[in-house]
Amino acid sequence: MAVADGDTVTVLDASNTQWKIRLMGIDAPEKKQAFGSKSKESLSALVFDKSVSVEYSKRDKYGRILLDLIVVYEDGATFSLNERMVETGNAVKATY
């Protein structure tokens, strides 16, 4: 998985197809904005070496897929990455 910023990632599916994903319902600073690097680092740490599940929703006006990204631990425990980014102060709920 590649992290572009605090609310955009690229994932590979089972057939090795890349998908650029925008985390739905949140807004994080862009890389060049204040706290942008911190937000990106936080998202990277949350997904590093983790399996994820996606809950597809729709596409935005830029054609990016909007979805909830669910991190899945080996023991089956899960958490919403979108919610965790807001809970940790690295993103806010989106107003779009």
PDB file of N, CA and C in Angstrom:
ATOM      1  N   MET A   1       0.845  -1.176   0.000  1.00  0.00           N
ATOM      2  CA  MET A   1       0.000   0.000   0.000  1.00  0.00           C
ATOM      3  C   MET A   1       0.888   1.235   0.000  1.00  0.00           C
ATOM      4  N   ALA A   2       0.500   2.221  -0.786  1.00  0.00           N
ATOM      5  CA  ALA A   2       1.228   3.486  -0.836  1.00  0.00           C
ATOM      6  C   ALA A   2       0.331   4.594  -0.286  1.00  0.00           C
ATOM      7  N   VAL A   3       0.894   5.469   0.520  1.00  0.00           N
ATOM      8  CA  VAL A   3       0.150   6.565   1.126  1.00  0.00           C
ATOM      9  C   VAL A   3       0.566   7.867   0.452  1.00  0.00           C
ATOM     10  N   ALA A   4      -0.399   8.564  -0.152  1.00  0.00           N
ATOM     11  CA  ALA A   4      -0.116   9.841  -0.815  1.00  0.00           C
ATOM     12  C   ALA A   4      -0.165  10.995   0.173  1.00  0.00           C
ATOM     13  N   ASP A   5      -1.168  10.976   1.039  1.00  0.00           N
ATOM     14  CA  ASP A   5      -1.333  11.985   2.080  1.00  0.00           C
ATOM     15  C   ASP A   5      -2.242  11.399   3.150  1.00  0.00           C
ATOM     16  N   GLY A   6      -2.773  12.213   4.030  1.00  0.00           N
ATOM     17  CA  GLY A   6      -3.551  11.709   5.163  1.00  0.00           C
ATOM     18  C   GLY A   6      -4.919  11.169   4.837  1.00  0.00           C
ATOM     19  N   ASP A   7      -5.367  11.284   3.582  1.00  0.00           N
ATOM     20  CA  ASP A   7      -6.669  10.725   3.239  1.00  0.00           C
ATOM     21  C   ASP A   7      -6.701  10.062   1.857  1.00  0.00           C
ATOM     22  N   THR A   8      -5.523   9.770   1.297  1.00  0.00           N
ATOM     23  CA  THR A   8      -5.456   9.138  -0.017  1.00  0.00           C
ATOM     24  C   THR A   8      -4.393   8.040  -0.019  1.00  0.00           C
ATOM     25  N   VAL A   9      -4.790   6.835  -0.443  1.00  0.00           N
ATOM     26  CA  VAL A   9      -3.869   5.707  -0.514  1.00  0.00           C
ATOM     27  C   VAL A   9      -4.047   4.979  -1.837  1.00  0.00           C
ATOM     28  N   THR A  10      -3.050   4.203  -2.204  1.00  0.00           N
ATOM     29  CA  THR A  10      -3.143   3.306  -3.344  1.00  0.00           C
ATOM     30  C   THR A  10      -3.013   1.892  -2.816  1.00  0.00           C
ATOM     31  N   VAL A  11      -3.974   1.036  -3.175  1.00  0.00           N
ATOM     32  CA  VAL A  11      -3.963  -0.350  -2.708  1.00  0.00           C
ATOM     33  C   VAL A  11      -3.903  -1.292  -3.901  1.00  0.00           C
ATOM     34  N   LEU A  12      -3.427  -2.506  -3.638  1.00  0.00           N
ATOM     35  CA  LEU A  12      -3.424  -3.574  -4.628  1.00  0.00           C
ATOM     36  C   LEU A  12      -4.489  -4.586  -4.246  1.00  0.00           C
ATOM     37  N   ASP A  13      -5.297  -5.007  -5.228  1.00  0.00           N
ATOM     38  CA  ASP A  13      -6.278  -6.052  -4.929  1.00  0.00           C
ATOM     39  C   ASP A  13      -5.641  -7.419  -5.160  1.00  0.00           C
ATOM     40  N   ALA A  14      -6.416  -8.474  -5.012  1.00  0.00           N
ATOM     41  CA  ALA A  14      -5.905  -9.839  -5.128  1.00  0.00           C
ATOM     42  C   ALA A  14      -5.301 -10.130  -6.500  1.00  0.00           C
ATOM     43  N   SER A  15      -5.725  -9.398  -7.530  1.00  0.00           N
ATOM     44  CA  SER A  15      -5.178  -9.618  -8.877  1.00  0.00           C
ATOM     45  C   SER A  15      -4.057  -8.627  -9.212  1.00  0.00           C
ATOM     46  N   ASN A  16      -3.529  -7.952  -8.171  1.00  0.00           N
ATOM     47  CA  ASN A  16      -2.448  -6.962  -8.313  1.00  0.00           C
ATOM     48  C   ASN A  16      -2.838  -5.739  -9.130  1.00  0.00           C
ATOM     49  N   THR A  17      -4.117  -5.406  -9.167  1.00  0.00           N
ATOM     50  CA  THR A  17      -4.577  -4.177  -9.795  1.00  0.00           C
ATOM     51  C   THR A  17      -4.486  -3.058  -8.767  1.00  0.00           C
ATOM     52  N   GLN A  18      -3.915  -1.922  -9.175  1.00  0.00           N
ATOM     53  CA  GLN A  18      -3.801  -0.773  -8.277  1.00  0.00           C
ATOM     54  C   GLN A  18      -5.079   0.051  -8.298  1.00  0.00           C
ATOM     55  N   TRP A  19      -5.476   0.526  -7.128  1.00  0.00           N
ATOM     56  CA  TRP A  19      -6.642   1.390  -6.984  1.00  0.00           C
ATOM     57  C   TRP A  19      -6.267   2.584  -6.126  1.00  0.00           C
ATOM     58  N   LYS A  20      -6.492   3.796  -6.648  1.00  0.00           N
ATOM     59  CA  LYS A  20      -6.272   5.013  -5.857  1.00  0.00           C
ATOM     60  C   LYS A  20      -7.550   5.271  -5.076  1.00  0.00           C
ATOM     61  N   ILE A  21      -7.411   5.352  -3.768  1.00  0.00           N
ATOM     62  CA  ILE A  21      -8.547   5.418  -2.855  1.00  0.00           C
ATOM     63  C   ILE A  21      -8.517   6.719  -2.066  1.00  0.00           C
ATOM     64  N   ARG A  22      -9.651   7.347  -1.968  1.00  0.00           N
ATOM     65  CA  ARG A  22      -9.827   8.520  -1.092  1.00  0.00           C
ATOM     66  C   ARG A  22     -10.667   8.056   0.089  1.00  0.00           C
ATOM     67  N   LEU A  23     -10.191   8.278   1.300  1.00  0.00           N
ATOM     68  CA  LEU A  23     -10.934   7.856   2.482  1.00  0.00           C
ATOM     69  C   LEU A  23     -12.186   8.715   2.629  1.00  0.00           C
ATOM     70  N   MET A  24     -13.330   8.076   2.600  1.00  0.00           N
ATOM     71  CA  MET A  24     -14.621   8.759   2.594  1.00  0.00           C
ATOM     72  C   MET A  24     -14.933   9.387   3.949  1.00  0.00           C
ATOM     73  N   GLY A  25     -15.481  10.580   3.904  1.00  0.00           N
ATOM     74  CA  GLY A  25     -15.993  11.227   5.107  1.00  0.00           C
ATOM     75  C   GLY A  25     -14.972  11.957   5.948  1.00  0.00           C
ATOM     76  N   ILE A  26     -13.720  11.987   5.493  1.00  0.00           N
ATOM     77  CA  ILE A  26     -12.700  12.716   6.253  1.00  0.00           C
ATOM     78  C   ILE A  26     -11.944  13.659   5.324  1.00  0.00           C
ATOM     79  N   ASP A  27     -11.292  14.628   5.923  1.00  0.00           N
ATOM     80  CA  ASP A  27     -10.438  15.552   5.177  1.00  0.00           C
ATOM     81  C   ASP A  27      -9.167  15.734   5.994  1.00  0.00           C
ATOM     82  N   ALA A  28      -8.032  15.496   5.359  1.00  0.00           N
ATOM     83  CA  ALA A  28      -6.732  15.644   6.016  1.00  0.00           C
ATOM     84  C   ALA A  28      -5.939  16.717   5.282  1.00  0.00           C
ATOM     85  N   PRO A  29      -4.992  17.343   5.976  1.00  0.00           N
ATOM     86  CA  PRO A  29      -4.171  18.361   5.318  1.00  0.00           C
ATOM     87  C   PRO A  29      -3.387  17.764   4.155  1.00  0.00           C
ATOM     88  N   GLU A  30      -3.198  18.554   3.118  1.00  0.00           N
ATOM     89  CA  GLU A  30      -2.364  18.127   2.002  1.00  0.00           C
ATOM     90  C   GLU A  30      -0.908  18.140   2.449  1.00  0.00           C
ATOM     91  N   LYS A  31      -0.054  17.459   1.711  1.00  0.00           N
ATOM     92  CA  LYS A  31       1.347  17.297   2.113  1.00  0.00           C
ATOM     93  C   LYS A  31       2.043  18.620   2.399  1.00  0.00           C
ATOM     94  N   LYS A  32       1.751  19.656   1.618  1.00  0.00           N
ATOM     95  CA  LYS A  32       2.450  20.935   1.770  1.00  0.00           C
ATOM     96  C   LYS A  32       1.781  21.878   2.760  1.00  0.00           C
ATOM     97  N   GLN A  33       0.629  21.467   3.317  1.00  0.00           N
ATOM     98  CA  GLN A  33      -0.057  22.292   4.306  1.00  0.00           C
ATOM     99  C   GLN A  33       0.488  21.978   5.696  1.00  0.00           C
ATOM    100  N   ALA A  34       0.184  22.858   6.649  1.00  0.00           N
ATOM    101  CA  ALA A  34       0.578  22.625   8.032  1.00  0.00           C
ATOM    102  C   ALA A  34       0.042  21.272   8.491  1.00  0.00           C
ATOM    103  N   PHE A  35       0.860  20.485   9.136  1.00  0.00           N
ATOM    104  CA  PHE A  35       0.540  19.158   9.668  1.00  0.00           C
ATOM    105  C   PHE A  35       0.286  18.104   8.587  1.00  0.00           C
ATOM    106  N   GLY A  36       0.507  18.451   7.325  1.00  0.00           N
ATOM    107  CA  GLY A  36       0.313  17.493   6.237  1.00  0.00           C
ATOM    108  C   GLY A  36       1.243  16.295   6.344  1.00  0.00           C
ATOM    109  N   SER A  37       2.497  16.545   6.650  1.00  0.00           N
ATOM    110  CA  SER A  37       3.456  15.446   6.792  1.00  0.00           C
ATOM    111  C   SER A  37       3.102  14.563   7.975  1.00  0.00           C
ATOM    112  N   LYS A  38       2.688  15.169   9.074  1.00  0.00           N
ATOM    113  CA  LYS A  38       2.305  14.409  10.271  1.00  0.00           C
ATOM    114  C   LYS A  38       1.096  13.527   9.978  1.00  0.00           C
ATOM    115  N   SER A  39       0.128  14.058   9.262  1.00  0.00           N
ATOM    116  CA  SER A  39      -1.069  13.293   8.920  1.00  0.00           C
ATOM    117  C   SER A  39      -0.706  12.095   8.041  1.00  0.00           C
ATOM    118  N   LYS A  40       0.138  12.335   7.051  1.00  0.00           N
ATOM    119  CA  LYS A  40       0.574  11.249   6.161  1.00  0.00           C
ATOM    120  C   LYS A  40       1.331  10.180   6.953  1.00  0.00           C
ATOM    121  N   GLU A  41       2.224  10.598   7.835  1.00  0.00           N
ATOM    122  CA  GLU A  41       2.995   9.655   8.656  1.00  0.00           C
ATOM    123  C   GLU A  41       2.075   8.827   9.545  1.00  0.00           C
ATOM    124  N   SER A  42       1.063   9.458  10.102  1.00  0.00           N
ATOM    125  CA  SER A  42       0.125   8.742  10.959  1.00  0.00           C
ATOM    126  C   SER A  42      -0.635   7.676  10.178  1.00  0.00           C
ATOM    127  N   LEU A  43      -1.125   8.045   8.996  1.00  0.00           N
ATOM    128  CA  LEU A  43      -1.836   7.080   8.165  1.00  0.00           C
ATOM    129  C   LEU A  43      -0.902   5.937   7.771  1.00  0.00           C
ATOM    130  N   SER A  44       0.314   6.261   7.398  1.00  0.00           N
ATOM    131  CA  SER A  44       1.292   5.237   7.031  1.00  0.00           C
ATOM    132  C   SER A  44       1.520   4.261   8.177  1.00  0.00           C
ATOM    133  N   ALA A  45       1.673   4.772   9.384  1.00  0.00           N
ATOM    134  CA  ALA A  45       1.917   3.917  10.547  1.00  0.00           C
ATOM    135  C   ALA A  45       0.721   3.004  10.824  1.00  0.00           C
ATOM    136  N   LEU A  46      -0.480   3.513  10.609  1.00  0.00           N
ATOM    137  CA  LEU A  46      -1.675   2.710  10.876  1.00  0.00           C
ATOM    138  C   LEU A  46      -1.862   1.559   9.889  1.00  0.00           C
ATOM    139  N   VAL A  47      -1.375   1.727   8.660  1.00  0.00           N
ATOM    140  CA  VAL A  47      -1.594   0.685   7.646  1.00  0.00           C
ATOM    141  C   VAL A  47      -0.345  -0.137   7.332  1.00  0.00           C
ATOM    142  N   PHE A  48       0.820   0.285   7.831  1.00  0.00           N
ATOM    143  CA  PHE A  48       2.061  -0.413   7.494  1.00  0.00           C
ATOM    144  C   PHE A  48       1.966  -1.891   7.838  1.00  0.00           C
ATOM    145  N   ASP A  49       2.204  -2.730   6.838  1.00  0.00           N
ATOM    146  CA  ASP A  49       2.255  -4.182   6.999  1.00  0.00           C
ATOM    147  C   ASP A  49       0.938  -4.768   7.532  1.00  0.00           C
ATOM    148  N   LYS A  50      -0.185  -4.121   7.214  1.00  0.00           N
ATOM    149  CA  LYS A  50      -1.502  -4.593   7.657  1.00  0.00           C
ATOM    150  C   LYS A  50      -2.335  -5.036   6.456  1.00  0.00           C
ATOM    151  N   SER A  51      -3.241  -5.944   6.691  1.00  0.00           N
ATOM    152  CA  SER A  51      -4.236  -6.304   5.689  1.00  0.00           C
ATOM    153  C   SER A  51      -5.406  -5.352   5.844  1.00  0.00           C
ATOM    154  N   VAL A  52      -6.048  -5.034   4.731  1.00  0.00           N
ATOM    155  CA  VAL A  52      -7.194  -4.134   4.804  1.00  0.00           C
ATOM    156  C   VAL A  52      -8.367  -4.724   4.035  1.00  0.00           C
ATOM    157  N   SER A  53      -9.530  -4.272   4.415  1.00  0.00           N
ATOM    158  CA  SER A  53     -10.763  -4.597   3.725  1.00  0.00           C
ATOM    159  C   SER A  53     -11.373  -3.271   3.317  1.00  0.00           C
ATOM    160  N   VAL A  54     -12.038  -3.234   2.186  1.00  0.00           N
ATOM    161  CA  VAL A  54     -12.617  -1.977   1.733  1.00  0.00           C
ATOM    162  C   VAL A  54     -14.129  -2.087   1.654  1.00  0.00           C
ATOM    163  N   GLU A  55     -14.777  -0.983   1.930  1.00  0.00           N
ATOM    164  CA  GLU A  55     -16.226  -0.878   1.788  1.00  0.00           C
ATOM    165  C   GLU A  55     -16.487   0.234   0.785  1.00  0.00           C
ATOM    166  N   TYR A  56     -16.707  -0.180  -0.469  1.00  0.00           N
ATOM    167  CA  TYR A  56     -16.867   0.759  -1.583  1.00  0.00           C
ATOM    168  C   TYR A  56     -18.115   1.608  -1.407  1.00  0.00           C
ATOM    169  N   SER A  57     -18.004   2.853  -1.783  1.00  0.00           N
ATOM    170  CA  SER A  57     -19.145   3.749  -1.704  1.00  0.00           C
ATOM    171  C   SER A  57     -19.458   4.355  -3.067  1.00  0.00           C
ATOM    172  N   LYS A  58     -18.569   5.237  -3.551  1.00  0.00           N
ATOM    173  CA  LYS A  58     -18.815   5.934  -4.818  1.00  0.00           C
ATOM    174  C   LYS A  58     -17.526   6.580  -5.282  1.00  0.00           C
ATOM    175  N   ARG A  59     -17.607   7.343  -6.364  1.00  0.00           N
ATOM    176  CA  ARG A  59     -16.450   8.104  -6.854  1.00  0.00           C
ATOM    177  C   ARG A  59     -16.692   9.591  -6.621  1.00  0.00           C
ATOM    178  N   ASP A  60     -15.583  10.323  -6.391  1.00  0.00           N
ATOM    179  CA  ASP A  60     -15.708  11.768  -6.221  1.00  0.00           C
ATOM    180  C   ASP A  60     -15.607  12.459  -7.579  1.00  0.00           C
ATOM    181  N   LYS A  61     -15.645  13.787  -7.574  1.00  0.00           N
ATOM    182  CA  LYS A  61     -15.638  14.543  -8.823  1.00  0.00           C
ATOM    183  C   LYS A  61     -14.321  14.403  -9.584  1.00  0.00           C
ATOM    184  N   TYR A  62     -13.271  13.885  -8.927  1.00  0.00           N
ATOM    185  CA  TYR A  62     -11.976  13.661  -9.580  1.00  0.00           C
ATOM    186  C   TYR A  62     -11.821  12.212 -10.051  1.00  0.00           C
ATOM    187  N   GLY A  63     -12.846  11.404  -9.862  1.00  0.00           N
ATOM    188  CA  GLY A  63     -12.802  10.013 -10.294  1.00  0.00           C
ATOM    189  C   GLY A  63     -12.192   9.060  -9.281  1.00  0.00           C
ATOM    190  N   ARG A  64     -11.804   9.572  -8.116  1.00  0.00           N
ATOM    191  CA  ARG A  64     -11.233   8.701  -7.090  1.00  0.00           C
ATOM    192  C   ARG A  64     -12.340   7.913  -6.404  1.00  0.00           C
ATOM    193  N   ILE A  65     -12.030   6.694  -6.024  1.00  0.00           N
ATOM    194  CA  ILE A  65     -12.985   5.867  -5.301  1.00  0.00           C
ATOM    195  C   ILE A  65     -13.052   6.356  -3.862  1.00  0.00           C
ATOM    196  N   LEU A  66     -14.258   6.568  -3.361  1.00  0.00           N
ATOM    197  CA  LEU A  66     -14.465   6.963  -1.960  1.00  0.00           C
ATOM    198  C   LEU A  66     -14.905   5.725  -1.196  1.00  0.00           C
ATOM    199  N   LEU A  67     -14.245   5.457  -0.064  1.00  0.00           N
ATOM    200  CA  LEU A  67     -14.631   4.280   0.691  1.00  0.00           C
ATOM    201  C   LEU A  67     -14.160   4.346   2.118  1.00  0.00           C
ATOM    202  N   ASP A  68     -14.657   3.414   2.907  1.00  0.00           N
ATOM    203  CA  ASP A  68     -14.157   3.194   4.255  1.00  0.00           C
ATOM    204  C   ASP A  68     -13.100   2.113   4.155  1.00  0.00           C
ATOM    205  N   LEU A  69     -11.954   2.349   4.753  1.00  0.00           N
ATOM    206  CA  LEU A  69     -10.858   1.389   4.752  1.00  0.00           C
ATOM    207  C   LEU A  69     -10.800   0.762   6.137  1.00  0.00           C
ATOM    208  N   ILE A  70     -10.950  -0.555   6.180  1.00  0.00           N
ATOM    209  CA  ILE A  70     -10.979  -1.290   7.435  1.00  0.00           C
ATOM    210  C   ILE A  70      -9.673  -2.067   7.577  1.00  0.00           C
ATOM    211  N   VAL A  71      -8.933  -1.814   8.657  1.00  0.00           N
ATOM    212  CA  VAL A  71      -7.706  -2.550   8.931  1.00  0.00           C
ATOM    213  C   VAL A  71      -8.096  -3.839   9.644  1.00  0.00           C
ATOM    214  N   VAL A  72      -7.512  -4.955   9.183  1.00  0.00           N
ATOM    215  CA  VAL A  72      -7.829  -6.267   9.733  1.00  0.00           C
ATOM    216  C   VAL A  72      -6.559  -6.866  10.339  1.00  0.00           C
ATOM    217  N   TYR A  73      -6.603  -7.142  11.648  1.00  0.00           N
ATOM    218  CA  TYR A  73      -5.475  -7.776  12.323  1.00  0.00           C
ATOM    219  C   TYR A  73      -5.541  -9.291  12.150  1.00  0.00           C
ATOM    220  N   GLU A  74      -4.418  -9.967  12.390  1.00  0.00           N
ATOM    221  CA  GLU A  74      -4.362 -11.424  12.241  1.00  0.00           C
ATOM    222  C   GLU A  74      -5.368 -12.135  13.126  1.00  0.00           C
ATOM    223  N   ASP A  75      -5.686 -11.571  14.290  1.00  0.00           N
ATOM    224  CA  ASP A  75      -6.646 -12.220  15.189  1.00  0.00           C
ATOM    225  C   ASP A  75      -8.094 -11.919  14.817  1.00  0.00           C
ATOM    226  N   GLY A  76      -8.299 -11.184  13.715  1.00  0.00           N
ATOM    227  CA  GLY A  76      -9.648 -10.880  13.240  1.00  0.00           C
ATOM    228  C   GLY A  76     -10.201  -9.551  13.731  1.00  0.00           C
ATOM    229  N   ALA A  77      -9.517  -8.909  14.664  1.00  0.00           N
ATOM    230  CA  ALA A  77      -9.964  -7.599  15.143  1.00  0.00           C
ATOM    231  C   ALA A  77      -9.865  -6.589  13.992  1.00  0.00           C
ATOM    232  N   THR A  78     -10.774  -5.621  13.991  1.00  0.00           N
ATOM    233  CA  THR A  78     -10.789  -4.621  12.925  1.00  0.00           C
ATOM    234  C   THR A  78     -10.978  -3.226  13.503  1.00  0.00           C
ATOM    235  N   PHE A  79     -10.625  -2.226  12.718  1.00  0.00           N
ATOM    236  CA  PHE A  79     -10.988  -0.844  13.038  1.00  0.00           C
ATOM    237  C   PHE A  79     -11.086  -0.054  11.746  1.00  0.00           C
ATOM    238  N   SER A  80     -11.909   0.986  11.778  1.00  0.00           N
ATOM    239  CA  SER A  80     -12.066   1.869  10.628  1.00  0.00           C
ATOM    240  C   SER A  80     -10.914   2.860  10.615  1.00  0.00           C
ATOM    241  N   LEU A  81     -10.153   2.812   9.546  1.00  0.00           N
ATOM    242  CA  LEU A  81      -9.038   3.743   9.399  1.00  0.00           C
ATOM    243  C   LEU A  81      -9.544   5.177   9.304  1.00  0.00           C
ATOM    244  N   ASN A  82     -10.661   5.365   8.611  1.00  0.00           N
ATOM    245  CA  ASN A  82     -11.243   6.694   8.467  1.00  0.00           C
ATOM    246  C   ASN A  82     -11.528   7.287   9.848  1.00  0.00           C
ATOM    247  N   GLU A  83     -12.211   6.515  10.699  1.00  0.00           N
ATOM    248  CA  GLU A  83     -12.557   6.995  12.038  1.00  0.00           C
ATOM    249  C   GLU A  83     -11.313   7.221  12.887  1.00  0.00           C
ATOM    250  N   ARG A  84     -10.338   6.327  12.782  1.00  0.00           N
ATOM    251  CA  ARG A  84      -9.121   6.444  13.593  1.00  0.00           C
ATOM    252  C   ARG A  84      -8.354   7.712  13.253  1.00  0.00           C
ATOM    253  N   MET A  85      -8.330   8.102  11.980  1.00  0.00           N
ATOM    254  CA  MET A  85      -7.631   9.330  11.592  1.00  0.00           C
ATOM    255  C   MET A  85      -8.280  10.552  12.235  1.00  0.00           C
ATOM    256  N   VAL A  86      -9.603  10.553  12.344  1.00  0.00           N
ATOM    257  CA  VAL A  86     -10.301  11.661  13.006  1.00  0.00           C
ATOM    258  C   VAL A  86     -10.062  11.601  14.509  1.00  0.00           C
ATOM    259  N   GLU A  87     -10.175  10.404  15.098  1.00  0.00           N
ATOM    260  CA  GLU A  87      -9.980  10.238  16.544  1.00  0.00           C
ATOM    261  C   GLU A  87      -8.610  10.704  17.001  1.00  0.00           C
ATOM    262  N   THR A  88      -7.592  10.505  16.166  1.00  0.00           N
ATOM    263  CA  THR A  88      -6.219  10.872  16.542  1.00  0.00           C
ATOM    264  C   THR A  88      -5.880  12.321  16.185  1.00  0.00           C
ATOM    265  N   GLY A  89      -6.834  13.051  15.608  1.00  0.00           N
ATOM    266  CA  GLY A  89      -6.613  14.458  15.268  1.00  0.00           C
ATOM    267  C   GLY A  89      -5.828  14.671  13.996  1.00  0.00           C
ATOM    268  N   ASN A  90      -5.644  13.627  13.201  1.00  0.00           N
ATOM    269  CA  ASN A  90      -4.891  13.740  11.956  1.00  0.00           C
ATOM    270  C   ASN A  90      -5.765  14.017  10.737  1.00  0.00           C
ATOM    271  N   ALA A  91      -7.062  14.109  10.965  1.00  0.00           N
ATOM    272  CA  ALA A  91      -8.043  14.465   9.927  1.00  0.00           C
ATOM    273  C   ALA A  91      -9.275  14.985  10.633  1.00  0.00           C
ATOM    274  N   VAL A  92     -10.144  15.614   9.878  1.00  0.00           N
ATOM    275  CA  VAL A  92     -11.435  16.077  10.411  1.00  0.00           C
ATOM    276  C   VAL A  92     -12.535  15.444   9.575  1.00  0.00           C
ATOM    277  N   LYS A  93     -13.735  15.446  10.130  1.00  0.00           N
ATOM    278  CA  LYS A  93     -14.871  14.965   9.351  1.00  0.00           C
ATOM    279  C   LYS A  93     -15.079  15.910   8.184  1.00  0.00           C
ATOM    280  N   ALA A  94     -15.286  15.341   7.022  1.00  0.00           N
ATOM    281  CA  ALA A  94     -15.435  16.149   5.807  1.00  0.00           C
ATOM    282  C   ALA A  94     -16.781  16.839   5.784  1.00  0.00           C
ATOM    283  N   THR A  95     -16.787  17.993   5.138  1.00  0.00           N
ATOM    284  CA  THR A  95     -18.029  18.765   5.002  1.00  0.00           C
ATOM    285  C   THR A  95     -18.565  18.730   3.589  1.00  0.00           C
ATOM    286  N   TYR A  96     -18.019  17.882   2.743  1.00  0.00           N
ATOM    287  CA  TYR A  96     -18.490  17.801   1.358  1.00  0.00           C
ATOM    288  C   TYR A  96     -19.688  16.910   1.234  1.00  0.00           C
TER     289      TYR A  96
END
